Amino acid sequence: MRVLLWTYDTRGGVEPLIGLAVQLRALGAEVRVCAPPDEEFAERTAGFGVPMVPFRDSLRAMATATTPDLYRYVDELIGAQFDTVAAAAEGCDALVATGFLPTAAAARSATEKLGIHYVYASYDPTQLPSPHHPPEAFAGLPIPPGPIGNRVLWNIHDRNANVLFGPMLNGHRASIGLPPCTTSATTPSPTTRGWRRTRPWARG
């Protein structure tokens, strides 16, 4: 089995994927990691003998750069999934993605085009829909006032996510011959449940 592990995240998001890569390799899988091209990540993956495919810009460089237009930047990240990630996933049987859900949704679209299995893995249970906690709000998009149940809040969250990210995601999907996404841009997967791994005291 060949597996691609993808994230566009800081050290706290990349290192768990390296650990997963080591464990999958011990089980006989062929694994590579797709992550930001920061030197520390390249050294870390090389130290465990895990091949790394660089994705987009260095996060360390981004931290010191002028604040980008967020909407345009996310659109560029989504577009890069259809090029870099799709190429890196060629010949793979599965892709595991973590991190910001709208950009992970683009990785999901790349796997749809390739016809391979997709899993979203979350380090934070609050990113996954649940009746036990509300979603994070998107800046500038309304949440009705007054007491509202968490299930309703998640429905509003999905609607707001589609307003912000749906057009850009579907625009890139159309460019490679895929139909519009019928689920929310922040839904981990249309057919499977996301993976959740947290400390025992953080489990919901």
C-alpha atoms as a PDB file:
ATOM      1  CA  MET A   1       0.000   0.000   0.000  1.00  0.00           C
ATOM      2  CA  ARG A   2       1.162   3.535  -0.808  1.00  0.00           C
ATOM      3  CA  VAL A   3      -0.011   6.438   1.341  1.00  0.00           C
ATOM      4  CA  LEU A   4       0.458  10.204   1.110  1.00  0.00           C
ATOM      5  CA  LEU A   5       0.179  12.215   4.347  1.00  0.00           C
ATOM      6  CA  TRP A   6      -0.599  15.890   3.726  1.00  0.00           C
ATOM      7  CA  THR A   7      -0.696  19.024   5.862  1.00  0.00           C
ATOM      8  CA  TYR A   8       0.045  22.724   5.609  1.00  0.00           C
ATOM      9  CA  ASP A   9       0.748  23.377   9.242  1.00  0.00           C
ATOM     10  CA  THR A  10       3.350  24.224  11.859  1.00  0.00           C
ATOM     11  CA  ARG A  11       5.557  21.747  13.722  1.00  0.00           C
ATOM     12  CA  GLY A  12       2.612  20.703  15.919  1.00  0.00           C
ATOM     13  CA  GLY A  13       0.760  19.550  12.829  1.00  0.00           C
ATOM     14  CA  VAL A  14       3.664  18.047  10.902  1.00  0.00           C
ATOM     15  CA  GLU A  15       5.353  15.925  13.585  1.00  0.00           C
ATOM     16  CA  PRO A  16       2.286  13.740  14.304  1.00  0.00           C
ATOM     17  CA  LEU A  17       2.184  12.890  10.590  1.00  0.00           C
ATOM     18  CA  ILE A  18       5.834  11.871  10.698  1.00  0.00           C
ATOM     19  CA  GLY A  19       5.014   9.569  13.626  1.00  0.00           C
ATOM     20  CA  LEU A  20       2.113   8.102  11.643  1.00  0.00           C
ATOM     21  CA  ALA A  21       4.408   7.642   8.635  1.00  0.00           C
ATOM     22  CA  VAL A  22       6.895   5.679  10.747  1.00  0.00           C
ATOM     23  CA  GLN A  23       4.147   3.414  12.112  1.00  0.00           C
ATOM     24  CA  LEU A  24       2.593   2.832   8.692  1.00  0.00           C
ATOM     25  CA  ARG A  25       5.995   1.989   7.253  1.00  0.00           C
ATOM     26  CA  ALA A  26       6.526  -0.548  10.043  1.00  0.00           C
ATOM     27  CA  LEU A  27       3.310  -2.206   8.877  1.00  0.00           C
ATOM     28  CA  GLY A  28       4.702  -2.493   5.359  1.00  0.00           C
ATOM     29  CA  ALA A  29       3.225   0.600   3.712  1.00  0.00           C
ATOM     30  CA  GLU A  30       5.156   2.935   1.434  1.00  0.00           C
ATOM     31  CA  VAL A  31       4.661   6.431   2.846  1.00  0.00           C
ATOM     32  CA  ARG A  32       5.601  10.000   2.004  1.00  0.00           C
ATOM     33  CA  VAL A  33       4.738  13.291   3.671  1.00  0.00           C
ATOM     34  CA  CYS A  34       3.619  16.446   1.847  1.00  0.00           C
ATOM     35  CA  ALA A  35       4.296  19.499   4.048  1.00  0.00           C
ATOM     36  CA  PRO A  36       5.643  23.070   3.963  1.00  0.00           C
ATOM     37  CA  PRO A  37       9.263  23.270   2.703  1.00  0.00           C
ATOM     38  CA  ASP A  38      10.702  24.536   5.997  1.00  0.00           C
ATOM     39  CA  GLU A  39      14.195  23.217   6.701  1.00  0.00           C
ATOM     40  CA  GLU A  40      13.207  21.820  10.099  1.00  0.00           C
ATOM     41  CA  PHE A  41      10.509  19.644   8.494  1.00  0.00           C
ATOM     42  CA  ALA A  42      12.855  18.402   5.787  1.00  0.00           C
ATOM     43  CA  GLU A  43      15.454  17.480   8.418  1.00  0.00           C
ATOM     44  CA  ARG A  44      12.873  15.831  10.643  1.00  0.00           C
ATOM     45  CA  THR A  45      11.421  13.638   7.902  1.00  0.00           C
ATOM     46  CA  ALA A  46      14.889  12.777   6.592  1.00  0.00           C
ATOM     47  CA  GLY A  47      15.944  11.777  10.112  1.00  0.00           C
ATOM     48  CA  PHE A  48      13.279   9.070  10.073  1.00  0.00           C
ATOM     49  CA  GLY A  49      13.906   8.125   6.462  1.00  0.00           C
ATOM     50  CA  VAL A  50      10.496   9.401   5.337  1.00  0.00           C
ATOM     51  CA  PRO A  51      10.384  11.018   1.871  1.00  0.00           C
ATOM     52  CA  MET A  52       8.965  14.553   1.889  1.00  0.00           C
ATOM     53  CA  VAL A  53       7.224  16.421  -0.921  1.00  0.00           C
ATOM     54  CA  PRO A  54       7.380  20.227  -0.367  1.00  0.00           C
ATOM     55  CA  PHE A  55       4.077  22.071  -0.559  1.00  0.00           C
ATOM     56  CA  ARG A  56       3.751  25.818  -1.143  1.00  0.00           C
ATOM     57  CA  ASP A  57       5.699  28.381   0.893  1.00  0.00           C
ATOM     58  CA  SER A  58       7.759  28.135   4.051  1.00  0.00           C
ATOM     59  CA  LEU A  59       5.578  28.832   7.079  1.00  0.00           C
ATOM     60  CA  ARG A  60       8.540  30.427   8.845  1.00  0.00           C
ATOM     61  CA  ALA A  61       8.929  32.864   5.943  1.00  0.00           C
ATOM     62  CA  MET A  62       5.175  33.505   5.941  1.00  0.00           C
ATOM     63  CA  ALA A  63       5.313  34.452   9.632  1.00  0.00           C
ATOM     64  CA  THR A  64       7.650  37.351   8.834  1.00  0.00           C
ATOM     65  CA  ALA A  65       6.024  38.407   5.567  1.00  0.00           C
ATOM     66  CA  THR A  66       3.394  41.069   4.995  1.00  0.00           C
ATOM     67  CA  THR A  67      -0.061  39.798   5.924  1.00  0.00           C
ATOM     68  CA  PRO A  68      -1.595  38.443   2.701  1.00  0.00           C
ATOM     69  CA  ASP A  69      -5.116  38.900   1.436  1.00  0.00           C
ATOM     70  CA  LEU A  70      -6.598  35.918   3.288  1.00  0.00           C
ATOM     71  CA  TYR A  71      -9.290  35.123   0.726  1.00  0.00           C
ATOM     72  CA  ARG A  72      -6.818  35.162  -2.167  1.00  0.00           C
ATOM     73  CA  TYR A  73      -4.256  33.208  -0.160  1.00  0.00           C
ATOM     74  CA  VAL A  74      -6.734  30.429   0.661  1.00  0.00           C
ATOM     75  CA  ASP A  75      -7.736  30.341  -3.013  1.00  0.00           C
ATOM     76  CA  GLU A  76      -4.058  29.876  -3.942  1.00  0.00           C
ATOM     77  CA  LEU A  77      -3.678  27.110  -1.342  1.00  0.00           C
ATOM     78  CA  ILE A  78      -6.720  25.324  -2.726  1.00  0.00           C
ATOM     79  CA  GLY A  79      -5.404  25.668  -6.283  1.00  0.00           C
ATOM     80  CA  ALA A  80      -2.022  24.264  -5.275  1.00  0.00           C
ATOM     81  CA  GLN A  81      -3.731  21.106  -4.014  1.00  0.00           C
ATOM     82  CA  PHE A  82      -4.897  20.324  -7.525  1.00  0.00           C
ATOM     83  CA  ASP A  83      -1.312  20.516  -8.794  1.00  0.00           C
ATOM     84  CA  THR A  84       1.244  19.565  -6.134  1.00  0.00           C
ATOM     85  CA  VAL A  85      -0.898  17.203  -4.070  1.00  0.00           C
ATOM     86  CA  ALA A  86      -2.494  15.500  -7.049  1.00  0.00           C
ATOM     87  CA  ALA A  87       0.967  14.866  -8.537  1.00  0.00           C
ATOM     88  CA  ALA A  88       2.370  13.626  -5.202  1.00  0.00           C
ATOM     89  CA  ALA A  89      -0.602  11.282  -4.744  1.00  0.00           C
ATOM     90  CA  GLU A  90      -0.188   9.646  -8.174  1.00  0.00           C
ATOM     91  CA  GLY A  91       0.194   5.909  -7.636  1.00  0.00           C
ATOM     92  CA  CYS A  92      -0.987   6.092  -4.019  1.00  0.00           C
ATOM     93  CA  ASP A  93      -3.847   4.063  -2.585  1.00  0.00           C
ATOM     94  CA  ALA A  94      -4.858   6.599   0.057  1.00  0.00           C
ATOM     95  CA  LEU A  95      -4.321  10.160   1.244  1.00  0.00           C
ATOM     96  CA  VAL A  96      -4.566  11.342   4.850  1.00  0.00           C
ATOM     97  CA  ALA A  97      -5.027  15.104   5.302  1.00  0.00           C
ATOM     98  CA  THR A  98      -4.950  17.324   8.382  1.00  0.00           C
ATOM     99  CA  GLY A  99      -5.202  21.039   9.064  1.00  0.00           C
ATOM    100  CA  PHE A 100      -7.463  23.837   7.833  1.00  0.00           C
ATOM    101  CA  LEU A 101     -10.574  22.116   6.490  1.00  0.00           C
ATOM    102  CA  PRO A 102     -11.242  24.266   3.389  1.00  0.00           C
ATOM    103  CA  THR A 103      -7.753  23.525   2.053  1.00  0.00           C
ATOM    104  CA  ALA A 104      -8.016  19.886   3.104  1.00  0.00           C
ATOM    105  CA  ALA A 105     -11.261  19.780   1.101  1.00  0.00           C
ATOM    106  CA  ALA A 106      -9.171  20.538  -1.976  1.00  0.00           C
ATOM    107  CA  ALA A 107      -6.962  17.541  -1.173  1.00  0.00           C
ATOM    108  CA  ARG A 108     -10.162  15.524  -0.959  1.00  0.00           C
ATOM    109  CA  SER A 109     -11.087  16.754  -4.445  1.00  0.00           C
ATOM    110  CA  ALA A 110      -7.672  15.691  -5.767  1.00  0.00           C
ATOM    111  CA  THR A 111      -8.222  12.166  -4.444  1.00  0.00           C
ATOM    112  CA  GLU A 112     -11.680  12.140  -6.027  1.00  0.00           C
ATOM    113  CA  LYS A 113     -10.081  12.873  -9.393  1.00  0.00           C
ATOM    114  CA  LEU A 114      -7.465  10.155  -8.845  1.00  0.00           C
ATOM    115  CA  GLY A 115     -10.007   7.635  -7.526  1.00  0.00           C
ATOM    116  CA  ILE A 116      -8.127   6.913  -4.286  1.00  0.00           C
ATOM    117  CA  HIS A 117      -9.244   6.729  -0.643  1.00  0.00           C
ATOM    118  CA  TYR A 118      -9.321   9.895   1.471  1.00  0.00           C
ATOM    119  CA  VAL A 119      -9.303  10.386   5.254  1.00  0.00           C
ATOM    120  CA  TYR A 120      -9.308  13.621   7.232  1.00  0.00           C
ATOM    121  CA  ALA A 121      -7.511  13.383  10.598  1.00  0.00           C
ATOM    122  CA  SER A 122      -8.212  16.005  13.247  1.00  0.00           C
ATOM    123  CA  TYR A 123      -5.998  16.776  16.241  1.00  0.00           C
ATOM    124  CA  ASP A 124      -8.748  18.922  17.748  1.00  0.00           C
ATOM    125  CA  PRO A 125     -12.216  17.432  18.397  1.00  0.00           C
ATOM    126  CA  THR A 126     -13.808  20.886  18.242  1.00  0.00           C
ATOM    127  CA  GLN A 127     -13.143  20.936  14.482  1.00  0.00           C
ATOM    128  CA  LEU A 128     -15.547  18.038  13.977  1.00  0.00           C
ATOM    129  CA  PRO A 129     -19.348  18.485  14.068  1.00  0.00           C
ATOM    130  CA  SER A 130     -20.856  17.420  17.368  1.00  0.00           C
ATOM    131  CA  PRO A 131     -23.996  18.135  19.412  1.00  0.00           C
ATOM    132  CA  HIS A 132     -21.705  18.566  22.422  1.00  0.00           C
ATOM    133  CA  HIS A 133     -19.912  21.744  21.358  1.00  0.00           C
ATOM    134  CA  PRO A 134     -20.444  24.712  19.006  1.00  0.00           C
ATOM    135  CA  PRO A 135     -18.291  25.400  15.920  1.00  0.00           C
ATOM    136  CA  GLU A 136     -15.831  28.236  15.627  1.00  0.00           C
ATOM    137  CA  ALA A 137     -17.371  31.318  14.024  1.00  0.00           C
ATOM    138  CA  PHE A 138     -16.118  32.738  10.724  1.00  0.00           C
ATOM    139  CA  ALA A 139     -15.181  36.410  10.939  1.00  0.00           C
ATOM    140  CA  GLY A 140     -17.735  38.697   9.336  1.00  0.00           C
ATOM    141  CA  LEU A 141     -20.452  36.066   8.928  1.00  0.00           C
ATOM    142  CA  PRO A 142     -23.530  36.208  11.143  1.00  0.00           C
ATOM    143  CA  ILE A 143     -24.652  33.877  13.910  1.00  0.00           C
ATOM    144  CA  PRO A 144     -28.261  34.532  14.968  1.00  0.00           C
ATOM    145  CA  PRO A 145     -28.615  35.951  18.482  1.00  0.00           C
ATOM    146  CA  GLY A 146     -30.185  34.097  21.377  1.00  0.00           C
ATOM    147  CA  PRO A 147     -29.915  30.494  22.593  1.00  0.00           C
ATOM    148  CA  ILE A 148     -29.375  28.067  19.717  1.00  0.00           C
ATOM    149  CA  GLY A 149     -28.606  24.357  19.834  1.00  0.00           C
ATOM    150  CA  ASN A 150     -25.216  23.127  18.668  1.00  0.00           C
ATOM    151  CA  ARG A 151     -26.677  21.111  15.800  1.00  0.00           C
ATOM    152  CA  VAL A 152     -28.261  24.259  14.364  1.00  0.00           C
ATOM    153  CA  LEU A 153     -25.012  26.170  14.875  1.00  0.00           C
ATOM    154  CA  TRP A 154     -23.119  23.523  12.887  1.00  0.00           C
ATOM    155  CA  ASN A 155     -25.658  23.839  10.064  1.00  0.00           C
ATOM    156  CA  ILE A 156     -25.111  27.608  10.046  1.00  0.00           C
ATOM    157  CA  HIS A 157     -21.355  27.034  10.163  1.00  0.00           C
ATOM    158  CA  ASP A 158     -21.544  24.810   7.070  1.00  0.00           C
ATOM    159  CA  ARG A 159     -23.654  27.386   5.247  1.00  0.00           C
ATOM    160  CA  ASN A 160     -21.198  30.173   6.092  1.00  0.00           C
ATOM    161  CA  ALA A 161     -18.260  28.002   5.029  1.00  0.00           C
ATOM    162  CA  ASN A 162     -19.886  27.445   1.658  1.00  0.00           C
ATOM    163  CA  VAL A 163     -20.442  31.179   1.243  1.00  0.00           C
ATOM    164  CA  LEU A 164     -16.748  31.866   1.904  1.00  0.00           C
ATOM    165  CA  PHE A 165     -15.007  28.898   0.339  1.00  0.00           C
ATOM    166  CA  GLY A 166     -17.519  27.072  -1.859  1.00  0.00           C
ATOM    167  CA  PRO A 167     -17.091  29.202  -5.004  1.00  0.00           C
ATOM    168  CA  MET A 168     -13.293  28.990  -4.983  1.00  0.00           C
ATOM    169  CA  LEU A 169     -13.301  25.232  -4.297  1.00  0.00           C
ATOM    170  CA  ASN A 170     -15.881  24.529  -6.989  1.00  0.00           C
ATOM    171  CA  GLY A 171     -14.062  26.778  -9.445  1.00  0.00           C
ATOM    172  CA  HIS A 172     -10.939  24.641  -9.114  1.00  0.00           C
ATOM    173  CA  ARG A 173     -12.994  21.439  -9.252  1.00  0.00           C
ATOM    174  CA  ALA A 174     -14.545  22.590 -12.532  1.00  0.00           C
ATOM    175  CA  SER A 175     -11.070  23.239 -13.973  1.00  0.00           C
ATOM    176  CA  ILE A 176     -10.251  19.517 -13.706  1.00  0.00           C
ATOM    177  CA  GLY A 177     -13.655  18.266 -14.786  1.00  0.00           C
ATOM    178  CA  LEU A 178     -15.199  17.577 -11.368  1.00  0.00           C
ATOM    179  CA  PRO A 179     -18.815  18.546 -10.552  1.00  0.00           C
ATOM    180  CA  PRO A 180     -19.554  21.045  -7.767  1.00  0.00           C
ATOM    181  CA  CYS A 181     -19.026  19.722  -4.258  1.00  0.00           C
ATOM    182  CA  THR A 182     -22.379  18.757  -2.725  1.00  0.00           C
ATOM    183  CA  THR A 183     -21.140  18.818   0.878  1.00  0.00           C
ATOM    184  CA  SER A 184     -19.812  21.696   2.971  1.00  0.00           C
ATOM    185  CA  ALA A 185     -16.319  22.986   2.265  1.00  0.00           C
ATOM    186  CA  THR A 186     -15.553  22.180   5.895  1.00  0.00           C
ATOM    187  CA  THR A 187     -16.998  18.659   5.967  1.00  0.00           C
ATOM    188  CA  PRO A 188     -14.098  16.252   6.674  1.00  0.00           C
ATOM    189  CA  SER A 189     -15.288  13.718   4.092  1.00  0.00           C
ATOM    190  CA  PRO A 190     -18.474  13.049   2.141  1.00  0.00           C
ATOM    191  CA  THR A 191     -18.396   9.286   2.762  1.00  0.00           C
ATOM    192  CA  THR A 192     -16.313   8.538   5.856  1.00  0.00           C
ATOM    193  CA  ARG A 193     -15.884   9.812   9.372  1.00  0.00           C
ATOM    194  CA  GLY A 194     -12.774  11.834  10.166  1.00  0.00           C
ATOM    195  CA  TRP A 195     -10.084  10.511  12.478  1.00  0.00           C
ATOM    196  CA  ARG A 196      -9.690  12.145  15.855  1.00  0.00           C
ATOM    197  CA  ARG A 197      -6.649  11.797  18.075  1.00  0.00           C
ATOM    198  CA  THR A 198      -6.319  13.883  21.226  1.00  0.00           C
ATOM    199  CA  ARG A 199      -4.923  13.633  24.727  1.00  0.00           C
ATOM    200  CA  PRO A 200      -7.194  11.553  27.010  1.00  0.00           C
ATOM    201  CA  TRP A 201      -8.244  14.604  29.026  1.00  0.00           C
ATOM    202  CA  ALA A 202      -9.291  16.413  25.833  1.00  0.00           C
ATOM    203  CA  ARG A 203     -11.562  13.720  24.464  1.00  0.00           C
ATOM    204  CA  GLY A 204     -15.211  14.633  24.129  1.00  0.00           C
END
